[in-house]
PDB file of N, CA and C in Angstrom:
ATOM      1  N   UNK A   1       0.826  -1.192   0.000  1.00  0.00           N
ATOM      2  CA  UNK A   1       0.000   0.000   0.000  1.00  0.00           C
ATOM      3  C   UNK A   1       0.870   1.256   0.000  1.00  0.00           C
ATOM      4  N   UNK A   2       1.934   1.261   0.787  1.00  0.00           N
ATOM      5  CA  UNK A   2       2.791   2.446   0.859  1.00  0.00           C
ATOM      6  C   UNK A   2       3.552   2.638  -0.438  1.00  0.00           C
ATOM      7  N   UNK A   3       3.896   1.556  -1.116  1.00  0.00           N
ATOM      8  CA  UNK A   3       4.605   1.648  -2.384  1.00  0.00           C
ATOM      9  C   UNK A   3       3.763   2.266  -3.478  1.00  0.00           C
ATOM     10  N   UNK A   4       2.441   2.037  -3.422  1.00  0.00           N
ATOM     11  CA  UNK A   4       1.538   2.598  -4.426  1.00  0.00           C
ATOM     12  C   UNK A   4       1.408   4.104  -4.274  1.00  0.00           C
ATOM     13  N   UNK A   5       1.535   4.610  -3.069  1.00  0.00           N
ATOM     14  CA  UNK A   5       1.374   6.041  -2.815  1.00  0.00           C
ATOM     15  C   UNK A   5       2.668   6.831  -2.920  1.00  0.00           C
ATOM     16  N   UNK A   6       3.781   6.167  -3.005  1.00  0.00           N
ATOM     17  CA  UNK A   6       5.060   6.876  -3.000  1.00  0.00           C
ATOM     18  C   UNK A   6       5.206   7.804  -4.194  1.00  0.00           C
ATOM     19  N   UNK A   7       4.944   7.319  -5.393  1.00  0.00           N
ATOM     20  CA  UNK A   7       5.100   8.142  -6.589  1.00  0.00           C
ATOM     21  C   UNK A   7       4.137   9.338  -6.614  1.00  0.00           C
ATOM     22  N   UNK A   8       2.824   9.155  -6.344  1.00  0.00           N
ATOM     23  CA  UNK A   8       1.930  10.322  -6.321  1.00  0.00           C
ATOM     24  C   UNK A   8       2.301  11.351  -5.248  1.00  0.00           C
ATOM     25  N   UNK A   9       2.776  10.897  -4.101  1.00  0.00           N
ATOM     26  CA  UNK A   9       3.165  11.826  -3.046  1.00  0.00           C
ATOM     27  C   UNK A   9       4.396  12.621  -3.471  1.00  0.00           C
ATOM     28  N   UNK A  10       5.349  11.977  -4.118  1.00  0.00           N
ATOM     29  CA  UNK A  10       6.537  12.679  -4.604  1.00  0.00           C
ATOM     30  C   UNK A  10       6.152  13.713  -5.649  1.00  0.00           C
ATOM     31  N   UNK A  11       5.280  13.339  -6.579  1.00  0.00           N
ATOM     32  CA  UNK A  11       4.818  14.280  -7.607  1.00  0.00           C
ATOM     33  C   UNK A  11       4.091  15.458  -6.964  1.00  0.00           C
ATOM     34  N   UNK A  12       3.258  15.179  -5.965  1.00  0.00           N
ATOM     35  CA  UNK A  12       2.544  16.252  -5.282  1.00  0.00           C
ATOM     36  C   UNK A  12       3.510  17.197  -4.582  1.00  0.00           C
ATOM     37  N   UNK A  13       4.513  16.666  -3.900  1.00  0.00           N
ATOM     38  CA  UNK A  13       5.467  17.513  -3.190  1.00  0.00           C
ATOM     39  C   UNK A  13       6.287  18.368  -4.158  1.00  0.00           C
ATOM     40  N   UNK A  14       6.665  17.808  -5.291  1.00  0.00           N
ATOM     41  CA  UNK A  14       7.386  18.585  -6.297  1.00  0.00           C
ATOM     42  C   UNK A  14       6.492  19.686  -6.852  1.00  0.00           C
ATOM     43  N   UNK A  15       5.236  19.360  -7.122  1.00  0.00           N
ATOM     44  CA  UNK A  15       4.294  20.355  -7.640  1.00  0.00           C
ATOM     45  C   UNK A  15       4.039  21.462  -6.620  1.00  0.00           C
ATOM     46  N   UNK A  16       3.863  21.097  -5.361  1.00  0.00           N
ATOM     47  CA  UNK A  16       3.625  22.094  -4.321  1.00  0.00           C
ATOM     48  C   UNK A  16       4.840  23.001  -4.152  1.00  0.00           C
ATOM     49  N   UNK A  17       6.023  22.427  -4.173  1.00  0.00           N
ATOM     50  CA  UNK A  17       7.240  23.231  -4.087  1.00  0.00           C
ATOM     51  C   UNK A  17       7.379  24.179  -5.267  1.00  0.00           C
ATOM     52  N   UNK A  18       7.011  23.714  -6.448  1.00  0.00           N
ATOM     53  CA  UNK A  18       7.069  24.569  -7.639  1.00  0.00           C
ATOM     54  C   UNK A  18       6.103  25.731  -7.534  1.00  0.00           C
ATOM     55  N   UNK A  19       4.907  25.466  -7.058  1.00  0.00           N
ATOM     56  CA  UNK A  19       3.916  26.535  -6.907  1.00  0.00           C
ATOM     57  C   UNK A  19       4.409  27.593  -5.926  1.00  0.00           C
ATOM     58  N   UNK A  20       4.974  27.165  -4.821  1.00  0.00           N
ATOM     59  CA  UNK A  20       5.486  28.112  -3.829  1.00  0.00           C
ATOM     60  C   UNK A  20       6.654  28.910  -4.410  1.00  0.00           C
ATOM     61  N   UNK A  21       7.601  28.232  -5.044  1.00  0.00           N
ATOM     62  CA  UNK A  21       8.768  28.903  -5.604  1.00  0.00           C
ATOM     63  C   UNK A  21       8.368  29.935  -6.653  1.00  0.00           C
ATOM     64  N   UNK A  22       7.532  29.529  -7.602  1.00  0.00           N
ATOM     65  CA  UNK A  22       7.161  30.447  -8.671  1.00  0.00           C
ATOM     66  C   UNK A  22       6.205  31.534  -8.189  1.00  0.00           C
ATOM     67  N   UNK A  23       5.430  31.262  -7.165  1.00  0.00           N
ATOM     68  CA  UNK A  23       4.589  32.306  -6.578  1.00  0.00           C
ATOM     69  C   UNK A  23       5.423  33.396  -5.929  1.00  0.00           C
ATOM     70  N   UNK A  24       6.483  33.000  -5.241  1.00  0.00           N
ATOM     71  CA  UNK A  24       7.390  33.981  -4.634  1.00  0.00           C
ATOM     72  C   UNK A  24       8.076  34.805  -5.714  1.00  0.00           C
ATOM     73  N   UNK A  25       8.551  34.127  -6.770  1.00  0.00           N
ATOM     74  CA  UNK A  25       9.212  34.848  -7.869  1.00  0.00           C
ATOM     75  C   UNK A  25       8.239  35.803  -8.555  1.00  0.00           C
ATOM     76  N   UNK A  26       6.986  35.390  -8.730  1.00  0.00           N
ATOM     77  CA  UNK A  26       5.977  36.247  -9.351  1.00  0.00           C
ATOM     78  C   UNK A  26       5.733  37.487  -8.507  1.00  0.00           C
ATOM     79  N   UNK A  27       5.700  37.346  -7.194  1.00  0.00           N
ATOM     80  CA  UNK A  27       5.515  38.492  -6.313  1.00  0.00           C
ATOM     81  C   UNK A  27       6.700  39.445  -6.373  1.00  0.00           C
ATOM     82  N   UNK A  28       7.921  38.900  -6.417  1.00  0.00           N
ATOM     83  CA  UNK A  28       9.117  39.744  -6.491  1.00  0.00           C
ATOM     84  C   UNK A  28       9.133  40.531  -7.795  1.00  0.00           C
ATOM     85  N   UNK A  29       8.875  39.837  -8.903  1.00  0.00           N
ATOM     86  CA  UNK A  29       8.880  40.520 -10.191  1.00  0.00           C
ATOM     87  C   UNK A  29       7.708  41.491 -10.326  1.00  0.00           C
ATOM     88  N   UNK A  30       6.598  41.182  -9.691  1.00  0.00           N
ATOM     89  CA  UNK A  30       5.463  42.110  -9.700  1.00  0.00           C
ATOM     90  C   UNK A  30       5.787  43.397  -8.970  1.00  0.00           C
ATOM     91  N   UNK A  31       6.455  43.303  -7.840  1.00  0.00           N
ATOM     92  CA  UNK A  31       6.881  44.500  -7.109  1.00  0.00           C
ATOM     93  C   UNK A  31       7.875  45.319  -7.927  1.00  0.00           C
ATOM     94  N   UNK A  32       8.805  44.641  -8.580  1.00  0.00           N
ATOM     95  CA  UNK A  32       9.780  45.353  -9.412  1.00  0.00           C
ATOM     96  C   UNK A  32       9.093  46.037 -10.588  1.00  0.00           C
ATOM     97  N   UNK A  33       8.152  45.364 -11.213  1.00  0.00           N
ATOM     98  CA  UNK A  33       7.422  45.948 -12.333  1.00  0.00           C
ATOM     99  C   UNK A  33       6.607  47.151 -11.892  1.00  0.00           C
ATOM    100  N   UNK A  34       5.992  47.061 -10.730  1.00  0.00           N
ATOM    101  CA  UNK A  34       5.200  48.183 -10.226  1.00  0.00           C
ATOM    102  C   UNK A  34       6.087  49.387  -9.927  1.00  0.00           C
ATOM    103  N   UNK A  35       7.252  49.163  -9.383  1.00  0.00           N
ATOM    104  CA  UNK A  35       8.124  50.298  -9.069  1.00  0.00           C
ATOM    105  C   UNK A  35       8.753  50.892 -10.327  1.00  0.00           C
ATOM    106  N   UNK A  36       9.040  50.066 -11.330  1.00  0.00           N
ATOM    107  CA  UNK A  36       9.638  50.577 -12.565  1.00  0.00           C
ATOM    108  C   UNK A  36       8.633  51.339 -13.424  1.00  0.00           C
ATOM    109  N   UNK A  37       7.408  50.889 -13.470  1.00  0.00           N
ATOM    110  CA  UNK A  37       6.411  51.522 -14.332  1.00  0.00           C
ATOM    111  C   UNK A  37       5.669  52.654 -13.650  1.00  0.00           C
ATOM    112  N   UNK A  38       5.694  52.674 -12.324  1.00  0.00           N
ATOM    113  CA  UNK A  38       4.955  53.698 -11.600  1.00  0.00           C
ATOM    114  C   UNK A  38       3.499  53.325 -11.352  1.00  0.00           C
ATOM    115  N   UNK A  39       3.112  52.133 -11.789  1.00  0.00           N
ATOM    116  CA  UNK A  39       1.760  51.673 -11.510  1.00  0.00           C
ATOM    117  C   UNK A  39       1.698  51.225 -10.059  1.00  0.00           C
ATOM    118  N   UNK A  40       0.519  51.133  -9.536  1.00  0.00           N
ATOM    119  CA  UNK A  40       0.374  50.680  -8.155  1.00  0.00           C
ATOM    120  C   UNK A  40       0.650  49.198  -8.003  1.00  0.00           C
ATOM    121  N   UNK A  41       1.111  48.834  -6.823  1.00  0.00           N
ATOM    122  CA  UNK A  41       1.393  47.425  -6.547  1.00  0.00           C
ATOM    123  C   UNK A  41       0.113  46.595  -6.572  1.00  0.00           C
ATOM    124  N   UNK A  42      -0.995  47.193  -6.140  1.00  0.00           N
ATOM    125  CA  UNK A  42      -2.264  46.470  -6.153  1.00  0.00           C
ATOM    126  C   UNK A  42      -2.697  46.169  -7.577  1.00  0.00           C
ATOM    127  N   UNK A  43      -2.551  47.146  -8.471  1.00  0.00           N
ATOM    128  CA  UNK A  43      -2.942  46.952  -9.866  1.00  0.00           C
ATOM    129  C   UNK A  43      -2.082  45.882 -10.530  1.00  0.00           C
ATOM    130  N   UNK A  44      -0.776  45.993 -10.379  1.00  0.00           N
ATOM    131  CA  UNK A  44       0.131  45.023 -11.000  1.00  0.00           C
ATOM    132  C   UNK A  44      -0.105  43.630 -10.413  1.00  0.00           C
ATOM    133  N   UNK A  45      -0.266  43.548  -9.117  1.00  0.00           N
ATOM    134  CA  UNK A  45      -0.527  42.258  -8.494  1.00  0.00           C
ATOM    135  C   UNK A  45      -1.828  41.640  -8.968  1.00  0.00           C
ATOM    136  N   UNK A  46      -2.862  42.457  -9.127  1.00  0.00           N
ATOM    137  CA  UNK A  46      -4.147  41.942  -9.609  1.00  0.00           C
ATOM    138  C   UNK A  46      -4.039  41.430 -11.034  1.00  0.00           C
ATOM    139  N   UNK A  47      -3.331  42.169 -11.874  1.00  0.00           N
ATOM    140  CA  UNK A  47      -3.173  41.745 -13.269  1.00  0.00           C
ATOM    141  C   UNK A  47      -2.346  40.466 -13.342  1.00  0.00           C
ATOM    142  N   UNK A  48      -1.240  40.394 -12.596  1.00  0.00           N
ATOM    143  CA  UNK A  48      -0.402  39.200 -12.633  1.00  0.00           C
ATOM    144  C   UNK A  48      -1.130  37.981 -12.074  1.00  0.00           C
ATOM    145  N   UNK A  49      -1.874  38.170 -11.000  1.00  0.00           N
ATOM    146  CA  UNK A  49      -2.617  37.049 -10.428  1.00  0.00           C
ATOM    147  C   UNK A  49      -3.709  36.595 -11.393  1.00  0.00           C
ATOM    148  N   UNK A  50      -4.379  37.542 -12.033  1.00  0.00           N
ATOM    149  CA  UNK A  50      -5.415  37.176 -13.000  1.00  0.00           C
ATOM    150  C   UNK A  50      -4.821  36.414 -14.173  1.00  0.00           C
ATOM    151  N   UNK A  51      -3.680  36.872 -14.669  1.00  0.00           N
ATOM    152  CA  UNK A  51      -3.034  36.167 -15.789  1.00  0.00           C
ATOM    153  C   UNK A  51      -2.526  34.796 -15.363  1.00  0.00           C
ATOM    154  N   UNK A  52      -1.901  34.726 -14.209  1.00  0.00           N
ATOM    155  CA  UNK A  52      -1.323  33.462 -13.762  1.00  0.00           C
ATOM    156  C   UNK A  52      -2.391  32.416 -13.478  1.00  0.00           C
ATOM    157  N   UNK A  53      -3.541  32.837 -12.979  1.00  0.00           N
ATOM    158  CA  UNK A  53      -4.579  31.862 -12.667  1.00  0.00           C
ATOM    159  C   UNK A  53      -5.391  31.459 -13.890  1.00  0.00           C
ATOM    160  N   UNK A  54      -5.385  32.269 -14.945  1.00  0.00           N
ATOM    161  CA  UNK A  54      -6.156  31.904 -16.126  1.00  0.00           C
ATOM    162  C   UNK A  54      -5.334  31.150 -17.164  1.00  0.00           C
ATOM    163  N   UNK A  55      -4.009  31.091 -17.032  1.00  0.00           N
ATOM    164  CA  UNK A  55      -3.187  30.389 -18.018  1.00  0.00           C
ATOM    165  C   UNK A  55      -3.497  28.896 -18.129  1.00  0.00           C
ATOM    166  N   UNK A  56      -3.699  28.167 -17.033  1.00  0.00           N
ATOM    167  CA  UNK A  56      -4.039  26.747 -17.207  1.00  0.00           C
ATOM    168  C   UNK A  56      -5.350  26.543 -17.954  1.00  0.00           C
ATOM    169  N   UNK A  57      -6.343  27.387 -17.698  1.00  0.00           N
ATOM    170  CA  UNK A  57      -7.614  27.270 -18.406  1.00  0.00           C
ATOM    171  C   UNK A  57      -7.440  27.601 -19.882  1.00  0.00           C
ATOM    172  N   UNK A  58      -6.614  28.586 -20.168  1.00  0.00           N
ATOM    173  CA  UNK A  58      -6.363  28.964 -21.551  1.00  0.00           C
ATOM    174  C   UNK A  58      -5.695  27.825 -22.304  1.00  0.00           C
ATOM    175  N   UNK A  59      -4.741  27.179 -21.677  1.00  0.00           N
ATOM    176  CA  UNK A  59      -4.024  26.110 -22.365  1.00  0.00           C
ATOM    177  C   UNK A  59      -4.879  24.869 -22.561  1.00  0.00           C
ATOM    178  N   UNK A  60      -5.840  24.618 -21.700  1.00  0.00           N
ATOM    179  CA  UNK A  60      -6.689  23.436 -21.862  1.00  0.00           C
ATOM    180  C   UNK A  60      -7.903  23.703 -22.730  1.00  0.00           C
ATOM    181  N   UNK A  61      -8.286  24.967 -22.903  1.00  0.00           N
ATOM    182  CA  UNK A  61      -9.488  25.270 -23.680  1.00  0.00           C
ATOM    183  C   UNK A  61      -9.207  25.689 -25.118  1.00  0.00           C
ATOM    184  N   UNK A  62      -7.969  25.867 -25.486  1.00  0.00           N
ATOM    185  CA  UNK A  62      -7.682  26.248 -26.869  1.00  0.00           C
ATOM    186  C   UNK A  62      -7.761  25.011 -27.755  1.00  0.00           C
ATOM    187  N   UNK A  63      -8.394  25.165 -28.910  1.00  0.00           N
ATOM    188  CA  UNK A  63      -8.507  24.010 -29.799  1.00  0.00           C
ATOM    189  C   UNK A  63      -7.160  23.720 -30.464  1.00  0.00           C
ATOM    190  N   UNK A  64      -6.915  22.472 -30.757  1.00  0.00           N
ATOM    191  CA  UNK A  64      -5.648  22.143 -31.414  1.00  0.00           C
ATOM    192  C   UNK A  64      -5.630  22.667 -32.841  1.00  0.00           C
ATOM    193  N   UNK A  65      -4.468  23.030 -33.298  1.00  0.00           N
ATOM    194  CA  UNK A  65      -4.316  23.505 -34.676  1.00  0.00           C
ATOM    195  C   UNK A  65      -4.382  22.308 -35.609  1.00  0.00           C
ATOM    196  N   UNK A  66      -5.190  22.456 -36.632  1.00  0.00           N
ATOM    197  CA  UNK A  66      -5.344  21.325 -37.557  1.00  0.00           C
ATOM    198  C   UNK A  66      -4.576  21.529 -38.828  1.00  0.00           C
TER     199      UNK A  66
END
């Protein structure tokens, strides 16, 4: 039973670590973008979060090129 769960747990931990790592990087770059452009941090953060959360849906809902 433990052997069957080992691979999914490893994949989950790698995925969770990736989400945390890239979320931190997205926040750092969002702050830098807001300070360089003069836009507010709230505006830049909202746009980046909206784009980042809609990308998986965009990639799964686009029809394949024929």
